[in-house]
Amino acid sequence: MKAILEFNLPEDQIEFEESSNAYKLSLVIRELLGDMRSAIKHDCQTPEEEKEVIEKWRSHLYELIRDKEVLNIIEV
């Protein structure tokens, strides 16, 4: 099975770059989620109030991932 994405350059340059960099963006999101988890679970220096805010944003990010149906890109 093959999947071929086709772009008309230079008109579709932005779409091409977004598609080309999607995997890198997924890595950034995974790293961010991991950093947030570590701050909540393991960082003794982080005050509880900050942990609650981080958890709120982490939950919101997971919600956005589910809503946009990118579960196959980002494990939730």
PDB file of N, CA and C in Angstrom:
ATOM      1  N   MET A   1       0.840  -1.174   0.000  1.00  0.00           N
ATOM      2  CA  MET A   1       0.000   0.000   0.000  1.00  0.00           C
ATOM      3  C   MET A   1       0.889   1.243   0.000  1.00  0.00           C
ATOM      4  N   LYS A   2       0.522   2.186  -0.814  1.00  0.00           N
ATOM      5  CA  LYS A   2       1.250   3.446  -0.888  1.00  0.00           C
ATOM      6  C   LYS A   2       0.286   4.596  -0.660  1.00  0.00           C
ATOM      7  N   ALA A   3       0.803   5.638  -0.067  1.00  0.00           N
ATOM      8  CA  ALA A   3       0.059   6.882   0.069  1.00  0.00           C
ATOM      9  C   ALA A   3       0.952   7.987  -0.461  1.00  0.00           C
ATOM     10  N   ILE A   4       0.434   8.739  -1.374  1.00  0.00           N
ATOM     11  CA  ILE A   4       1.212   9.811  -1.986  1.00  0.00           C
ATOM     12  C   ILE A   4       0.486  11.132  -1.767  1.00  0.00           C
ATOM     13  N   LEU A   5       1.189  12.058  -1.151  1.00  0.00           N
ATOM     14  CA  LEU A   5       0.663  13.410  -1.003  1.00  0.00           C
ATOM     15  C   LEU A   5       1.220  14.247  -2.134  1.00  0.00           C
ATOM     16  N   GLU A   6       0.372  15.020  -2.761  1.00  0.00           N
ATOM     17  CA  GLU A   6       0.808  15.819  -3.903  1.00  0.00           C
ATOM     18  C   GLU A   6       0.483  17.289  -3.633  1.00  0.00           C
ATOM     19  N   PHE A   7       1.450  18.138  -3.898  1.00  0.00           N
ATOM     20  CA  PHE A   7       1.298  19.567  -3.676  1.00  0.00           C
ATOM     21  C   PHE A   7       1.678  20.316  -4.943  1.00  0.00           C
ATOM     22  N   ASN A   8       0.988  21.405  -5.182  1.00  0.00           N
ATOM     23  CA  ASN A   8       1.344  22.297  -6.280  1.00  0.00           C
ATOM     24  C   ASN A   8       2.181  23.425  -5.694  1.00  0.00           C
ATOM     25  N   LEU A   9       3.482  23.323  -5.904  1.00  0.00           N
ATOM     26  CA  LEU A   9       4.387  24.342  -5.375  1.00  0.00           C
ATOM     27  C   LEU A   9       4.621  25.406  -6.429  1.00  0.00           C
ATOM     28  N   PRO A  10       4.747  26.624  -6.075  1.00  0.00           N
ATOM     29  CA  PRO A  10       4.866  27.197  -4.740  1.00  0.00           C
ATOM     30  C   PRO A  10       3.522  27.535  -4.087  1.00  0.00           C
ATOM     31  N   GLU A  11       2.386  27.356  -4.807  1.00  0.00           N
ATOM     32  CA  GLU A  11       1.095  27.754  -4.247  1.00  0.00           C
ATOM     33  C   GLU A  11       0.783  27.047  -2.927  1.00  0.00           C
ATOM     34  N   ASP A  12       1.132  25.772  -2.820  1.00  0.00           N
ATOM     35  CA  ASP A  12       0.812  24.969  -1.637  1.00  0.00           C
ATOM     36  C   ASP A  12       1.998  24.833  -0.687  1.00  0.00           C
ATOM     37  N   GLN A  13       2.889  25.803  -0.697  1.00  0.00           N
ATOM     38  CA  GLN A  13       4.110  25.708   0.112  1.00  0.00           C
ATOM     39  C   GLN A  13       3.807  25.536   1.607  1.00  0.00           C
ATOM     40  N   ILE A  14       2.863  26.290   2.118  1.00  0.00           N
ATOM     41  CA  ILE A  14       2.535  26.200   3.550  1.00  0.00           C
ATOM     42  C   ILE A  14       1.999  24.814   3.882  1.00  0.00           C
ATOM     43  N   GLU A  15       1.074  24.302   3.075  1.00  0.00           N
ATOM     44  CA  GLU A  15       0.520  22.976   3.309  1.00  0.00           C
ATOM     45  C   GLU A  15       1.599  21.902   3.213  1.00  0.00           C
ATOM     46  N   PHE A  16       2.499  22.066   2.260  1.00  0.00           N
ATOM     47  CA  PHE A  16       3.613  21.127   2.105  1.00  0.00           C
ATOM     48  C   PHE A  16       4.489  21.107   3.353  1.00  0.00           C
ATOM     49  N   GLU A  17       4.843  22.285   3.849  1.00  0.00           N
ATOM     50  CA  GLU A  17       5.695  22.361   5.036  1.00  0.00           C
ATOM     51  C   GLU A  17       4.985  21.809   6.276  1.00  0.00           C
ATOM     52  N   GLU A  18       3.696  22.094   6.411  1.00  0.00           N
ATOM     53  CA  GLU A  18       2.941  21.546   7.538  1.00  0.00           C
ATOM     54  C   GLU A  18       2.931  20.017   7.493  1.00  0.00           C
ATOM     55  N   SER A  19       2.688  19.455   6.332  1.00  0.00           N
ATOM     56  CA  SER A  19       2.681  18.001   6.187  1.00  0.00           C
ATOM     57  C   SER A  19       4.068  17.414   6.412  1.00  0.00           C
ATOM     58  N   SER A  20       5.068  18.076   5.893  1.00  0.00           N
ATOM     59  CA  SER A  20       6.438  17.583   6.034  1.00  0.00           C
ATOM     60  C   SER A  20       6.916  17.602   7.479  1.00  0.00           C
ATOM     61  N   ASN A  21       6.407  18.534   8.271  1.00  0.00           N
ATOM     62  CA  ASN A  21       6.865  18.686   9.647  1.00  0.00           C
ATOM     63  C   ASN A  21       5.897  18.114  10.684  1.00  0.00           C
ATOM     64  N   ALA A  22       4.858  17.440  10.263  1.00  0.00           N
ATOM     65  CA  ALA A  22       3.858  16.912  11.197  1.00  0.00           C
ATOM     66  C   ALA A  22       4.481  15.933  12.189  1.00  0.00           C
ATOM     67  N   TYR A  23       5.376  15.079  11.734  1.00  0.00           N
ATOM     68  CA  TYR A  23       5.998  14.118  12.646  1.00  0.00           C
ATOM     69  C   TYR A  23       6.832  14.837  13.706  1.00  0.00           C
ATOM     70  N   LYS A  24       7.568  15.861  13.289  1.00  0.00           N
ATOM     71  CA  LYS A  24       8.360  16.632  14.253  1.00  0.00           C
ATOM     72  C   LYS A  24       7.448  17.289  15.290  1.00  0.00           C
ATOM     73  N   LEU A  25       6.317  17.797  14.843  1.00  0.00           N
ATOM     74  CA  LEU A  25       5.375  18.413  15.764  1.00  0.00           C
ATOM     75  C   LEU A  25       4.832  17.387  16.757  1.00  0.00           C
ATOM     76  N   SER A  26       4.558  16.163  16.287  1.00  0.00           N
ATOM     77  CA  SER A  26       4.082  15.128  17.201  1.00  0.00           C
ATOM     78  C   SER A  26       5.139  14.808  18.255  1.00  0.00           C
ATOM     79  N   LEU A  27       6.411  14.847  17.877  1.00  0.00           N
ATOM     80  CA  LEU A  27       7.483  14.618  18.856  1.00  0.00           C
ATOM     81  C   LEU A  27       7.526  15.729  19.894  1.00  0.00           C
ATOM     82  N   VAL A  28       7.319  16.960  19.460  1.00  0.00           N
ATOM     83  CA  VAL A  28       7.301  18.091  20.376  1.00  0.00           C
ATOM     84  C   VAL A  28       6.146  17.942  21.370  1.00  0.00           C
ATOM     85  N   ILE A  29       4.979  17.551  20.871  1.00  0.00           N
ATOM     86  CA  ILE A  29       3.819  17.392  21.747  1.00  0.00           C
ATOM     87  C   ILE A  29       4.047  16.256  22.738  1.00  0.00           C
ATOM     88  N   ARG A  30       4.601  15.144  22.267  1.00  0.00           N
ATOM     89  CA  ARG A  30       4.903  14.034  23.176  1.00  0.00           C
ATOM     90  C   ARG A  30       5.877  14.467  24.266  1.00  0.00           C
ATOM     91  N   GLU A  31       6.904  15.206  23.879  1.00  0.00           N
ATOM     92  CA  GLU A  31       7.886  15.669  24.861  1.00  0.00           C
ATOM     93  C   GLU A  31       7.235  16.625  25.868  1.00  0.00           C
ATOM     94  N   LEU A  32       6.402  17.517  25.377  1.00  0.00           N
ATOM     95  CA  LEU A  32       5.699  18.449  26.256  1.00  0.00           C
ATOM     96  C   LEU A  32       4.813  17.694  27.244  1.00  0.00           C
ATOM     97  N   LEU A  33       4.064  16.713  26.762  1.00  0.00           N
ATOM     98  CA  LEU A  33       3.216  15.920  27.648  1.00  0.00           C
ATOM     99  C   LEU A  33       4.051  15.180  28.689  1.00  0.00           C
ATOM    100  N   GLY A  34       5.189  14.650  28.277  1.00  0.00           N
ATOM    101  CA  GLY A  34       6.080  13.968  29.214  1.00  0.00           C
ATOM    102  C   GLY A  34       6.647  14.912  30.253  1.00  0.00           C
ATOM    103  N   ASP A  35       7.030  16.101  29.818  1.00  0.00           N
ATOM    104  CA  ASP A  35       7.546  17.098  30.756  1.00  0.00           C
ATOM    105  C   ASP A  35       6.473  17.515  31.765  1.00  0.00           C
ATOM    106  N   MET A  36       5.253  17.666  31.274  1.00  0.00           N
ATOM    107  CA  MET A  36       4.154  18.034  32.160  1.00  0.00           C
ATOM    108  C   MET A  36       3.893  16.919  33.175  1.00  0.00           C
ATOM    109  N   ARG A  37       3.910  15.687  32.715  1.00  0.00           N
ATOM    110  CA  ARG A  37       3.697  14.547  33.616  1.00  0.00           C
ATOM    111  C   ARG A  37       4.789  14.500  34.682  1.00  0.00           C
ATOM    112  N   SER A  38       6.024  14.692  34.259  1.00  0.00           N
ATOM    113  CA  SER A  38       7.136  14.671  35.217  1.00  0.00           C
ATOM    114  C   SER A  38       7.010  15.774  36.250  1.00  0.00           C
ATOM    115  N   ALA A  39       6.608  16.955  35.820  1.00  0.00           N
ATOM    116  CA  ALA A  39       6.446  18.070  36.750  1.00  0.00           C
ATOM    117  C   ALA A  39       5.365  17.772  37.780  1.00  0.00           C
ATOM    118  N   ILE A  40       4.309  17.102  37.335  1.00  0.00           N
ATOM    119  CA  ILE A  40       3.200  16.785  38.233  1.00  0.00           C
ATOM    120  C   ILE A  40       3.571  15.647  39.182  1.00  0.00           C
ATOM    121  N   LYS A  41       4.189  14.608  38.658  1.00  0.00           N
ATOM    122  CA  LYS A  41       4.412  13.385  39.437  1.00  0.00           C
ATOM    123  C   LYS A  41       5.717  13.367  40.226  1.00  0.00           C
ATOM    124  N   HIS A  42       6.774  13.960  39.672  1.00  0.00           N
ATOM    125  CA  HIS A  42       8.099  13.716  40.240  1.00  0.00           C
ATOM    126  C   HIS A  42       8.863  14.945  40.714  1.00  0.00           C
ATOM    127  N   ASP A  43       8.387  16.133  40.368  1.00  0.00           N
ATOM    128  CA  ASP A  43       9.150  17.343  40.694  1.00  0.00           C
ATOM    129  C   ASP A  43       8.760  17.859  42.077  1.00  0.00           C
ATOM    130  N   CYS A  44       9.610  17.641  43.042  1.00  0.00           N
ATOM    131  CA  CYS A  44       9.358  18.089  44.416  1.00  0.00           C
ATOM    132  C   CYS A  44       9.439  19.604  44.547  1.00  0.00           C
ATOM    133  N   GLN A  45      10.086  20.263  43.585  1.00  0.00           N
ATOM    134  CA  GLN A  45      10.251  21.713  43.633  1.00  0.00           C
ATOM    135  C   GLN A  45       8.999  22.461  43.177  1.00  0.00           C
ATOM    136  N   THR A  46       8.110  21.760  42.457  1.00  0.00           N
ATOM    137  CA  THR A  46       6.924  22.413  41.912  1.00  0.00           C
ATOM    138  C   THR A  46       5.834  22.486  42.979  1.00  0.00           C
ATOM    139  N   PRO A  47       5.366  23.699  43.305  1.00  0.00           N
ATOM    140  CA  PRO A  47       4.291  23.829  44.294  1.00  0.00           C
ATOM    141  C   PRO A  47       2.999  23.158  43.819  1.00  0.00           C
ATOM    142  N   GLU A  48       2.179  22.733  44.763  1.00  0.00           N
ATOM    143  CA  GLU A  48       0.932  22.030  44.434  1.00  0.00           C
ATOM    144  C   GLU A  48       0.017  22.863  43.543  1.00  0.00           C
ATOM    145  N   GLU A  49      -0.038  24.167  43.776  1.00  0.00           N
ATOM    146  CA  GLU A  49      -0.894  25.029  42.951  1.00  0.00           C
ATOM    147  C   GLU A  49      -0.453  24.992  41.486  1.00  0.00           C
ATOM    148  N   GLU A  50       0.860  25.004  41.266  1.00  0.00           N
ATOM    149  CA  GLU A  50       1.384  24.933  39.903  1.00  0.00           C
ATOM    150  C   GLU A  50       1.094  23.578  39.284  1.00  0.00           C
ATOM    151  N   LYS A  51       1.214  22.530  40.088  1.00  0.00           N
ATOM    152  CA  LYS A  51       0.920  21.185  39.582  1.00  0.00           C
ATOM    153  C   LYS A  51      -0.531  21.086  39.119  1.00  0.00           C
ATOM    154  N   GLU A  52      -1.430  21.722  39.858  1.00  0.00           N
ATOM    155  CA  GLU A  52      -2.840  21.713  39.471  1.00  0.00           C
ATOM    156  C   GLU A  52      -3.054  22.429  38.140  1.00  0.00           C
ATOM    157  N   VAL A  53      -2.365  23.546  37.954  1.00  0.00           N
ATOM    158  CA  VAL A  53      -2.472  24.292  36.688  1.00  0.00           C
ATOM    159  C   VAL A  53      -1.886  23.468  35.548  1.00  0.00           C
ATOM    160  N   ILE A  54      -0.741  22.856  35.779  1.00  0.00           N
ATOM    161  CA  ILE A  54      -0.111  22.016  34.751  1.00  0.00           C
ATOM    162  C   ILE A  54      -1.041  20.866  34.382  1.00  0.00           C
ATOM    163  N   GLU A  55      -1.647  20.236  35.383  1.00  0.00           N
ATOM    164  CA  GLU A  55      -2.564  19.121  35.125  1.00  0.00           C
ATOM    165  C   GLU A  55      -3.781  19.580  34.326  1.00  0.00           C
ATOM    166  N   LYS A  56      -4.264  20.786  34.630  1.00  0.00           N
ATOM    167  CA  LYS A  56      -5.392  21.330  33.876  1.00  0.00           C
ATOM    168  C   LYS A  56      -5.036  21.489  32.398  1.00  0.00           C
ATOM    169  N   TRP A  57      -3.868  22.071  32.129  1.00  0.00           N
ATOM    170  CA  TRP A  57      -3.442  22.279  30.742  1.00  0.00           C
ATOM    171  C   TRP A  57      -3.113  20.956  30.052  1.00  0.00           C
ATOM    172  N   ARG A  58      -2.553  20.029  30.800  1.00  0.00           N
ATOM    173  CA  ARG A  58      -2.252  18.698  30.243  1.00  0.00           C
ATOM    174  C   ARG A  58      -3.548  18.002  29.836  1.00  0.00           C
ATOM    175  N   SER A  59      -4.552  18.056  30.684  1.00  0.00           N
ATOM    176  CA  SER A  59      -5.853  17.465  30.373  1.00  0.00           C
ATOM    177  C   SER A  59      -6.478  18.142  29.159  1.00  0.00           C
ATOM    178  N   HIS A  60      -6.349  19.455  29.101  1.00  0.00           N
ATOM    179  CA  HIS A  60      -6.899  20.191  27.957  1.00  0.00           C
ATOM    180  C   HIS A  60      -6.194  19.782  26.661  1.00  0.00           C
ATOM    181  N   LEU A  61      -4.887  19.616  26.721  1.00  0.00           N
ATOM    182  CA  LEU A  61      -4.135  19.199  25.543  1.00  0.00           C
ATOM    183  C   LEU A  61      -4.580  17.815  25.083  1.00  0.00           C
ATOM    184  N   TYR A  62      -4.750  16.887  26.028  1.00  0.00           N
ATOM    185  CA  TYR A  62      -5.257  15.558  25.673  1.00  0.00           C
ATOM    186  C   TYR A  62      -6.650  15.642  25.048  1.00  0.00           C
ATOM    187  N   GLU A  63      -7.481  16.520  25.576  1.00  0.00           N
ATOM    188  CA  GLU A  63      -8.825  16.699  25.031  1.00  0.00           C
ATOM    189  C   GLU A  63      -8.761  17.185  23.589  1.00  0.00           C
ATOM    190  N   LEU A  64      -7.890  18.144  23.323  1.00  0.00           N
ATOM    191  CA  LEU A  64      -7.723  18.641  21.951  1.00  0.00           C
ATOM    192  C   LEU A  64      -7.235  17.537  21.018  1.00  0.00           C
ATOM    193  N   ILE A  65      -6.313  16.729  21.505  1.00  0.00           N
ATOM    194  CA  ILE A  65      -5.787  15.622  20.697  1.00  0.00           C
ATOM    195  C   ILE A  65      -6.910  14.658  20.337  1.00  0.00           C
ATOM    196  N   ARG A  66      -7.742  14.325  21.332  1.00  0.00           N
ATOM    197  CA  ARG A  66      -8.870  13.415  21.071  1.00  0.00           C
ATOM    198  C   ARG A  66      -9.884  14.056  20.122  1.00  0.00           C
ATOM    199  N   ASP A  67     -10.198  15.331  20.348  1.00  0.00           N
ATOM    200  CA  ASP A  67     -11.187  16.020  19.513  1.00  0.00           C
ATOM    201  C   ASP A  67     -10.749  16.118  18.061  1.00  0.00           C
ATOM    202  N   LYS A  68      -9.460  16.308  17.850  1.00  0.00           N
ATOM    203  CA  LYS A  68      -8.936  16.420  16.481  1.00  0.00           C
ATOM    204  C   LYS A  68      -8.612  15.056  15.869  1.00  0.00           C
ATOM    205  N   GLU A  69      -8.857  13.998  16.650  1.00  0.00           N
ATOM    206  CA  GLU A  69      -8.678  12.622  16.188  1.00  0.00           C
ATOM    207  C   GLU A  69      -7.263  12.349  15.687  1.00  0.00           C
ATOM    208  N   VAL A  70      -6.285  12.737  16.487  1.00  0.00           N
ATOM    209  CA  VAL A  70      -4.889  12.435  16.170  1.00  0.00           C
ATOM    210  C   VAL A  70      -4.337  11.395  17.137  1.00  0.00           C
ATOM    211  N   LEU A  71      -5.220  10.510  17.613  1.00  0.00           N
ATOM    212  CA  LEU A  71      -4.826   9.488  18.570  1.00  0.00           C
ATOM    213  C   LEU A  71      -3.753   8.573  18.010  1.00  0.00           C
ATOM    214  N   ASN A  72      -3.763   8.351  16.699  1.00  0.00           N
ATOM    215  CA  ASN A  72      -2.739   7.489  16.114  1.00  0.00           C
ATOM    216  C   ASN A  72      -1.374   8.167  16.085  1.00  0.00           C
ATOM    217  N   ILE A  73      -1.333   9.468  16.267  1.00  0.00           N
ATOM    218  CA  ILE A  73      -0.062  10.189  16.264  1.00  0.00           C
ATOM    219  C   ILE A  73       0.467  10.333  17.686  1.00  0.00           C
ATOM    220  N   ILE A  74      -0.405  10.680  18.597  1.00  0.00           N
ATOM    221  CA  ILE A  74      -0.026  10.908  19.984  1.00  0.00           C
ATOM    222  C   ILE A  74      -0.735   9.870  20.839  1.00  0.00           C
ATOM    223  N   GLU A  75       0.026   9.098  21.594  1.00  0.00           N
ATOM    224  CA  GLU A  75      -0.593   8.133  22.485  1.00  0.00           C
ATOM    225  C   GLU A  75      -1.191   8.854  23.677  1.00  0.00           C
ATOM    226  N   VAL A  76      -2.453   8.557  23.950  1.00  0.00           N
ATOM    227  CA  VAL A  76      -3.121   9.160  25.111  1.00  0.00           C
ATOM    228  C   VAL A  76      -3.578   8.070  26.052  1.00  0.00           C
TER     229      VAL A  76
END
